[in-house]
Amino acid sequence: MPSLQPSTADRIAAVIRQDVKSMHAYAIQDSRGLVKLDAMENPFRLPEALQRELGRRLGRVAINRYPVGCVGDVIAALSSYVKLPAGCKLMLGNGSDELISLLAMACDLPGASVLAPVPGFVMYEMSARLQGLRFVGVPLTPRFELDEAAMLAAIEAHRPAITYIAYPNNPTANLFDAGAVERIVAAVGAQNGLVVLDEAYQPFSSRTWMDHVGTLPHVLVMRTLSKFGLAGVRLGYVAGPAALVDEIDKVRPPYNISALNAEATLFALAHADEFARQAATLRGEREQLQVALGETPGVEPFPSEANMILVRVADSAEVFSSMKQRGVLVKNVAPMHPLLANCLRLTVGTKEENALMIDALRASLR
């Protein structure tokens, strides 16, 4: 007897939003067996002595209990680490991704929009659209600088609830002009919107806006510990005026940070000097990599203040495929935006990984 139940396709058509069906899921490349230089991860593991110490600490965590006190301890430790000014607060998220989603949820007023320069971090747009907010992308200049006039015009026209400025930007890796950022921040403030300065790559940057937290009532600074060296821990935080953070915190799910993640974060902050040493090593490797890329015919490297370097080649799809065949995985970002035509994003790895990457790149260009 034939089933009267609807097919899976019919059920999807009936219950899944049309805009969700038309979206693409966030793509994660299969890196098995490859030198993994596609996701801006810290390539260094902890020294063995610290691995053993972390294992002992995690073994003592009361995983039978919901995380309460330990999360408060993380907030206190991070507040001290970033020298959070009086009158400000931190809110934790399961990585920056969750914080971006929570910000969209908290600011989902009728007709509200989110604005950001493009190309930029794809989750700004994805989270806005999933929450039903309009997304306004303002193209950067051909050299990946802020188009200040276009940004100011878009702010005036759309009055965005949230304006994101990544500092440094992903995937272009550059720092925007500080004066332009200040004028954009002021324009958003005049329209009663919020500015989120996303400092995911702060350990590799020469400048920060954290010292501005609390000086303006509409500015938040967001960071992640993924680039600090804890990509597997999944912990991000946003800092801002206490009254504003308190309101956003109302939409945060209870117990969104696991006790194990909290303990690993406390351990990392107690050994921040080790992670600072790793970041300094990667900054040095970045400079060496910039020199090598600049000496490679057929490669145009762009300035970087992150642990990645954007380069332009004649055919990014062909070079990406050829490098992968040679055992090195990078990111072909050309499909993300027309301004990124024939661009690859190269993560800064260890000295050995970088040498393999340069060899694969040069062989792929021949």
Protein backbone atom coordinates (compact mmCIF):
# COMPACT_ATOMS: atom_id res chain seq x y z
CA MET A 1 0.00 0.00 0.00
CA PRO A 2 1.55 3.35 -0.98
CA SER A 3 2.53 5.67 1.88
CA LEU A 4 0.36 8.70 2.42
CA GLN A 5 3.18 10.46 4.26
CA PRO A 6 4.64 13.51 2.49
CA SER A 7 8.09 13.11 0.98
CA THR A 8 11.15 14.64 2.59
CA ALA A 9 11.21 17.27 -0.17
CA ASP A 10 7.57 18.17 0.50
CA ARG A 11 8.21 18.39 4.22
CA ILE A 12 11.23 20.66 3.66
CA ALA A 13 9.13 22.86 1.38
CA ALA A 14 6.46 23.09 4.07
CA VAL A 15 8.56 23.88 7.13
CA ILE A 16 11.95 25.35 6.11
CA ARG A 17 12.15 29.08 5.35
CA GLN A 18 12.70 29.95 1.70
CA ASP A 19 15.64 32.25 2.50
CA VAL A 20 17.32 29.41 4.42
CA LYS A 21 16.83 27.02 1.50
CA SER A 22 18.49 29.54 -0.82
CA MET A 23 21.53 29.99 1.43
CA HIS A 24 24.80 28.12 1.36
CA ALA A 25 26.10 26.54 4.56
CA TYR A 26 29.39 27.82 5.96
CA ALA A 27 32.00 25.81 4.06
CA ILE A 28 34.78 23.99 5.95
CA GLN A 29 37.43 22.39 3.77
CA ASP A 30 38.59 18.81 4.29
CA SER A 31 42.20 19.13 5.44
CA ARG A 32 43.10 15.50 6.12
CA GLY A 33 46.62 14.70 4.98
CA LEU A 34 47.37 18.31 4.04
CA VAL A 35 49.43 21.15 5.45
CA LYS A 36 46.51 23.14 6.86
CA LEU A 37 46.92 26.83 6.14
CA ASP A 38 43.35 27.80 5.30
CA ALA A 39 41.68 28.83 8.57
CA MET A 40 44.01 31.27 10.39
CA GLU A 41 44.68 28.86 13.25
CA ASN A 42 47.63 29.10 15.60
CA PRO A 43 49.85 26.19 14.43
CA PHE A 44 51.56 25.70 17.80
CA ARG A 45 50.53 23.17 20.43
CA LEU A 46 51.28 23.66 24.09
CA PRO A 47 54.62 22.43 25.40
CA GLU A 48 54.30 18.94 26.89
CA ALA A 49 54.62 20.15 30.48
CA LEU A 50 51.70 22.53 29.99
CA GLN A 51 49.70 19.83 28.21
CA ARG A 52 50.04 17.60 31.25
CA GLU A 53 49.12 20.44 33.61
CA LEU A 54 46.04 21.30 31.54
CA GLY A 55 45.01 17.64 31.48
CA ARG A 56 45.16 17.47 35.27
CA ARG A 57 43.08 20.64 35.61
CA LEU A 58 40.44 19.46 33.16
CA GLY A 59 40.28 16.11 34.95
CA ARG A 60 39.23 17.89 38.15
CA VAL A 61 36.36 19.85 36.53
CA ALA A 62 32.92 18.99 37.92
CA ILE A 63 31.37 18.11 34.57
CA ASN A 64 28.30 16.76 36.41
CA ARG A 65 27.33 20.35 37.27
CA TYR A 66 26.17 23.22 35.11
CA PRO A 67 28.89 25.86 34.59
CA VAL A 68 28.14 28.82 36.83
CA GLY A 69 31.00 29.92 39.05
CA CYS A 70 33.68 29.02 36.51
CA VAL A 71 32.10 31.31 33.90
CA GLY A 72 32.17 34.17 36.39
CA ASP A 73 35.84 33.39 36.97
CA VAL A 74 36.51 33.61 33.22
CA ILE A 75 34.76 36.99 33.00
CA ALA A 76 36.83 38.28 35.92
CA ALA A 77 40.09 36.93 34.46
CA LEU A 78 39.41 38.35 30.99
CA SER A 79 38.36 41.71 32.48
CA SER A 80 41.71 41.88 34.22
CA TYR A 81 43.61 40.67 31.15
CA VAL A 82 42.17 43.40 28.87
CA LYS A 83 42.23 46.03 31.64
CA LEU A 84 38.50 46.62 31.31
CA PRO A 85 37.62 50.17 32.44
CA ALA A 86 35.26 50.83 35.31
CA GLY A 87 31.62 50.94 34.28
CA CYS A 88 32.13 48.32 31.56
CA LYS A 89 31.34 44.62 31.32
CA LEU A 90 32.23 41.51 29.34
CA MET A 91 29.81 39.00 27.85
CA LEU A 92 30.99 35.54 26.74
CA GLY A 93 29.97 33.62 23.66
CA ASN A 94 30.66 30.24 22.11
CA GLY A 95 33.16 31.90 19.79
CA SER A 96 32.53 35.21 18.03
CA ASP A 97 29.95 33.50 15.82
CA GLU A 98 27.48 33.14 18.67
CA LEU A 99 28.05 36.71 19.81
CA ILE A 100 27.27 37.99 16.30
CA SER A 101 24.04 35.98 16.30
CA LEU A 102 23.08 37.26 19.76
CA LEU A 103 23.71 40.86 18.73
CA ALA A 104 21.42 40.41 15.72
CA MET A 105 18.76 38.89 17.96
CA ALA A 106 18.96 41.66 20.53
CA CYS A 107 18.74 44.41 17.87
CA ASP A 108 16.00 42.85 15.74
CA LEU A 109 13.64 45.83 15.70
CA PRO A 110 11.13 46.18 12.83
CA GLY A 111 12.96 47.38 9.73
CA ALA A 112 16.39 47.20 11.35
CA SER A 113 19.52 46.60 9.32
CA VAL A 114 23.15 45.54 9.80
CA LEU A 115 25.90 47.32 7.89
CA ALA A 116 29.50 46.25 7.23
CA PRO A 117 32.25 46.80 4.68
CA VAL A 118 32.59 44.04 2.10
CA PRO A 119 34.42 41.82 1.53
CA GLY A 120 34.37 41.00 5.22
CA PHE A 121 33.57 38.23 7.69
CA VAL A 122 30.68 36.28 6.18
CA MET A 123 28.91 35.73 9.51
CA TYR A 124 27.88 39.39 9.75
CA GLU A 125 25.60 38.94 6.75
CA MET A 126 24.58 35.36 7.49
CA SER A 127 23.52 36.11 11.07
CA ALA A 128 21.64 39.24 10.02
CA ARG A 129 19.68 37.42 7.33
CA LEU A 130 18.89 34.45 9.57
CA GLN A 131 17.47 36.86 12.11
CA GLY A 132 15.37 38.61 9.45
CA LEU A 133 17.47 41.79 9.40
CA ARG A 134 18.46 43.58 6.22
CA PHE A 135 22.17 43.46 5.46
CA VAL A 136 23.88 46.42 3.80
CA GLY A 137 27.33 45.67 2.42
CA VAL A 138 29.48 48.68 1.48
CA PRO A 139 32.31 47.74 -0.92
CA LEU A 140 35.88 48.56 0.06
CA THR A 141 38.12 50.40 -2.37
CA PRO A 142 40.11 48.33 -4.91
CA ARG A 143 43.06 48.44 -2.44
CA PHE A 144 40.78 47.18 0.36
CA GLU A 145 40.53 50.45 2.26
CA LEU A 146 37.31 51.82 3.73
CA ASP A 147 35.32 53.89 1.25
CA GLU A 148 34.58 56.51 3.86
CA ALA A 149 32.18 58.56 1.74
CA ALA A 150 30.19 55.46 0.78
CA MET A 151 30.10 54.25 4.40
CA LEU A 152 28.86 57.62 5.66
CA ALA A 153 26.22 57.79 2.91
CA ALA A 154 25.01 54.26 3.72
CA ILE A 155 24.80 55.09 7.43
CA GLU A 156 22.74 58.17 6.64
CA ALA A 157 20.46 56.28 4.26
CA HIS A 158 19.93 53.05 6.21
CA ARG A 159 20.44 54.09 9.86
CA PRO A 160 21.80 50.62 10.74
CA ALA A 161 21.17 49.14 14.15
CA ILE A 162 24.64 47.53 14.05
CA THR A 163 27.71 48.52 12.05
CA TYR A 164 30.59 46.03 12.06
CA ILE A 165 34.17 47.07 11.46
CA ALA A 166 36.70 44.24 11.57
CA TYR A 167 40.10 45.45 12.74
CA PRO A 168 42.11 43.87 11.07
CA ASN A 169 39.68 42.85 8.36
CA ASN A 170 39.06 39.28 7.21
CA PRO A 171 39.94 38.19 4.53
CA THR A 172 42.00 41.22 3.50
CA ALA A 173 44.11 41.26 6.72
CA ASN A 174 44.63 45.03 6.72
CA LEU A 175 43.94 47.73 9.29
CA PHE A 176 41.61 50.50 8.14
CA ASP A 177 42.58 54.15 8.55
CA ALA A 178 41.96 55.10 12.19
CA GLY A 179 40.63 58.56 11.32
CA ALA A 180 38.08 57.10 8.92
CA VAL A 181 36.98 54.61 11.58
CA GLU A 182 36.54 57.40 14.14
CA ARG A 183 34.37 59.43 11.77
CA ILE A 184 32.25 56.39 10.93
CA VAL A 185 31.85 55.61 14.64
CA ALA A 186 30.70 59.18 15.25
CA ALA A 187 28.21 59.03 12.35
CA VAL A 188 26.69 55.80 13.66
CA GLY A 189 26.41 57.33 17.12
CA ALA A 190 24.55 60.31 15.72
CA GLN A 191 22.01 57.89 14.20
CA ASN A 192 21.56 56.01 17.53
CA GLY A 193 23.14 52.82 16.20
CA LEU A 194 25.78 50.49 17.64
CA VAL A 195 29.33 49.95 16.37
CA VAL A 196 31.02 46.60 16.92
CA LEU A 197 34.78 46.69 16.41
CA ASP A 198 35.73 43.08 15.72
CA GLU A 199 39.30 42.43 16.90
CA ALA A 200 39.48 38.71 16.22
CA TYR A 201 43.11 39.05 15.06
CA GLN A 202 44.25 41.40 17.81
CA PRO A 203 47.27 39.27 18.89
CA PHE A 204 48.86 40.04 15.51
CA SER A 205 47.83 43.69 15.18
CA SER A 206 49.76 46.83 16.02
CA ARG A 207 46.63 48.73 17.12
CA THR A 208 43.52 48.13 19.21
CA TRP A 209 40.32 49.96 20.14
CA MET A 210 39.95 48.31 23.54
CA ASP A 211 41.09 51.49 25.26
CA HIS A 212 38.06 53.23 23.71
CA VAL A 213 35.63 50.89 25.50
CA GLY A 214 33.51 52.93 27.88
CA THR A 215 34.41 56.28 26.30
CA LEU A 216 31.45 56.09 23.89
CA PRO A 217 28.06 54.62 24.90
CA HIS A 218 27.43 52.92 21.53
CA VAL A 219 30.76 51.14 20.93
CA LEU A 220 31.49 47.46 21.62
CA VAL A 221 34.78 45.64 21.07
CA MET A 222 34.56 41.94 20.23
CA ARG A 223 37.39 39.42 20.41
CA THR A 224 37.88 35.69 20.18
CA LEU A 225 40.41 33.38 21.79
CA SER A 226 40.56 31.34 18.57
CA LYS A 227 43.47 33.39 17.20
CA PHE A 228 44.98 33.66 20.69
CA GLY A 229 45.63 29.93 20.33
CA LEU A 230 42.38 28.31 21.51
CA ALA A 231 40.43 27.70 18.29
CA GLY A 232 39.30 24.34 19.65
CA VAL A 233 37.96 25.87 22.87
CA ARG A 234 35.42 28.15 21.13
CA LEU A 235 35.28 31.20 23.33
CA GLY A 236 34.66 34.80 22.35
CA TYR A 237 33.82 37.92 24.29
CA VAL A 238 32.38 41.37 23.74
CA ALA A 239 33.21 44.37 25.93
CA GLY A 240 31.28 47.58 26.33
CA PRO A 241 29.35 49.86 28.65
CA ALA A 242 27.74 47.80 31.41
CA ALA A 243 24.18 48.99 30.72
CA LEU A 244 24.45 48.02 27.04
CA VAL A 245 26.08 44.64 27.69
CA ASP A 246 23.43 43.85 30.31
CA GLU A 247 20.68 44.28 27.73
CA ILE A 248 22.39 42.09 25.11
CA ASP A 249 23.14 39.47 27.75
CA LYS A 250 19.40 38.89 28.19
CA VAL A 251 19.25 36.92 24.90
CA ARG A 252 22.28 34.75 25.71
CA PRO A 253 21.35 31.10 26.27
CA PRO A 254 21.99 29.88 29.83
CA TYR A 255 25.18 27.87 30.23
CA ASN A 256 26.43 28.71 26.71
CA ILE A 257 30.05 28.23 27.84
CA SER A 258 30.97 24.73 28.96
CA ALA A 259 32.86 24.11 32.19
CA LEU A 260 35.72 22.51 30.22
CA ASN A 261 35.97 25.52 27.92
CA ALA A 262 35.96 27.84 30.91
CA GLU A 263 38.71 25.89 32.66
CA ALA A 264 40.84 25.77 29.51
CA THR A 265 40.44 29.54 29.15
CA LEU A 266 41.47 30.18 32.76
CA PHE A 267 44.50 27.97 32.21
CA ALA A 268 45.45 29.85 29.02
CA LEU A 269 45.15 33.23 30.71
CA ALA A 270 47.35 31.99 33.54
CA HIS A 271 49.95 31.13 30.89
CA ALA A 272 49.36 34.15 28.66
CA ASP A 273 53.12 34.61 28.29
CA GLU A 274 53.36 31.33 26.33
CA PHE A 275 50.62 32.43 23.92
CA ALA A 276 52.21 35.89 23.60
CA ARG A 277 55.48 34.18 22.65
CA GLN A 278 53.66 32.15 19.99
CA ALA A 279 52.01 35.28 18.59
CA ALA A 280 55.38 37.06 18.43
CA THR A 281 56.85 34.10 16.54
CA LEU A 282 53.97 34.20 14.05
CA ARG A 283 54.38 37.95 13.55
CA GLY A 284 58.02 37.32 12.71
CA GLU A 285 57.08 34.51 10.34
CA ARG A 286 54.53 36.79 8.70
CA GLU A 287 57.23 39.32 7.88
CA GLN A 288 59.48 36.63 6.41
CA LEU A 289 56.56 35.31 4.40
CA GLN A 290 55.80 38.79 3.08
CA VAL A 291 59.38 39.08 1.83
CA ALA A 292 59.25 35.67 0.14
CA LEU A 293 55.90 36.45 -1.49
CA GLY A 294 57.16 39.83 -2.69
CA GLU A 295 60.10 38.07 -4.37
CA THR A 296 57.83 35.58 -6.16
CA PRO A 297 56.98 36.54 -9.75
CA GLY A 298 53.27 36.43 -10.48
CA VAL A 299 52.23 37.08 -6.85
CA GLU A 300 50.89 40.37 -5.48
CA PRO A 301 50.86 40.27 -1.67
CA PHE A 302 48.82 42.82 0.30
CA PRO A 303 49.77 44.32 3.68
CA SER A 304 48.80 42.27 6.72
CA GLU A 305 48.31 42.90 10.42
CA ALA A 306 46.78 39.46 11.01
CA ASN A 307 48.02 35.86 10.89
CA MET A 308 47.07 35.63 7.22
CA ILE A 309 48.22 37.27 4.00
CA LEU A 310 46.03 38.01 1.00
CA VAL A 311 47.70 37.52 -2.39
CA ARG A 312 46.54 37.94 -5.96
CA VAL A 313 47.66 35.58 -8.71
CA ALA A 314 46.73 35.14 -12.36
CA ASP A 315 44.28 32.27 -11.74
CA SER A 316 43.42 31.62 -8.10
CA ALA A 317 41.30 28.53 -8.80
CA GLU A 318 44.08 26.85 -10.74
CA VAL A 319 46.77 27.77 -8.20
CA PHE A 320 44.58 26.66 -5.29
CA SER A 321 43.98 23.28 -6.92
CA SER A 322 47.65 22.85 -7.81
CA MET A 323 48.80 23.71 -4.28
CA LYS A 324 46.31 21.24 -2.85
CA GLN A 325 47.66 18.52 -5.12
CA ARG A 326 51.07 19.34 -3.69
CA GLY A 327 49.78 18.82 -0.16
CA VAL A 328 49.15 22.42 0.94
CA LEU A 329 45.65 23.70 1.70
CA VAL A 330 44.98 27.44 1.52
CA LYS A 331 41.76 29.37 0.85
CA ASN A 332 40.56 30.55 -2.53
CA VAL A 333 38.56 33.63 -1.55
CA ALA A 334 37.84 34.81 -5.09
CA PRO A 335 34.20 33.59 -5.00
CA MET A 336 33.47 35.73 -1.92
CA HIS A 337 33.38 39.10 -3.68
CA PRO A 338 34.34 40.66 -7.04
CA LEU A 339 37.03 42.77 -5.35
CA LEU A 340 38.77 39.50 -4.43
CA ALA A 341 39.16 38.33 -8.03
CA ASN A 342 41.98 35.76 -8.24
CA CYS A 343 42.89 36.17 -4.58
CA LEU A 344 44.12 33.50 -2.19
CA ARG A 345 44.24 33.80 1.60
CA LEU A 346 47.34 32.24 3.12
CA THR A 347 47.49 31.46 6.84
CA VAL A 348 50.82 32.14 8.52
CA GLY A 349 52.10 28.82 9.88
CA THR A 350 55.32 27.50 11.34
CA LYS A 351 58.60 28.16 9.56
CA GLU A 352 58.47 24.65 8.09
CA GLU A 353 54.84 25.00 6.97
CA ASN A 354 55.52 28.38 5.40
CA ALA A 355 58.46 26.97 3.45
CA LEU A 356 56.26 24.17 2.11
CA MET A 357 53.58 26.72 1.20
CA ILE A 358 56.00 28.97 -0.69
CA ASP A 359 57.44 25.96 -2.54
CA ALA A 360 53.95 24.75 -3.51
CA LEU A 361 52.89 28.24 -4.56
CA ARG A 362 55.93 28.79 -6.74
CA ALA A 363 55.64 25.35 -8.32
CA SER A 364 51.96 26.02 -9.03
CA LEU A 365 52.76 29.29 -10.81
CA ARG A 366 55.20 27.73 -13.28
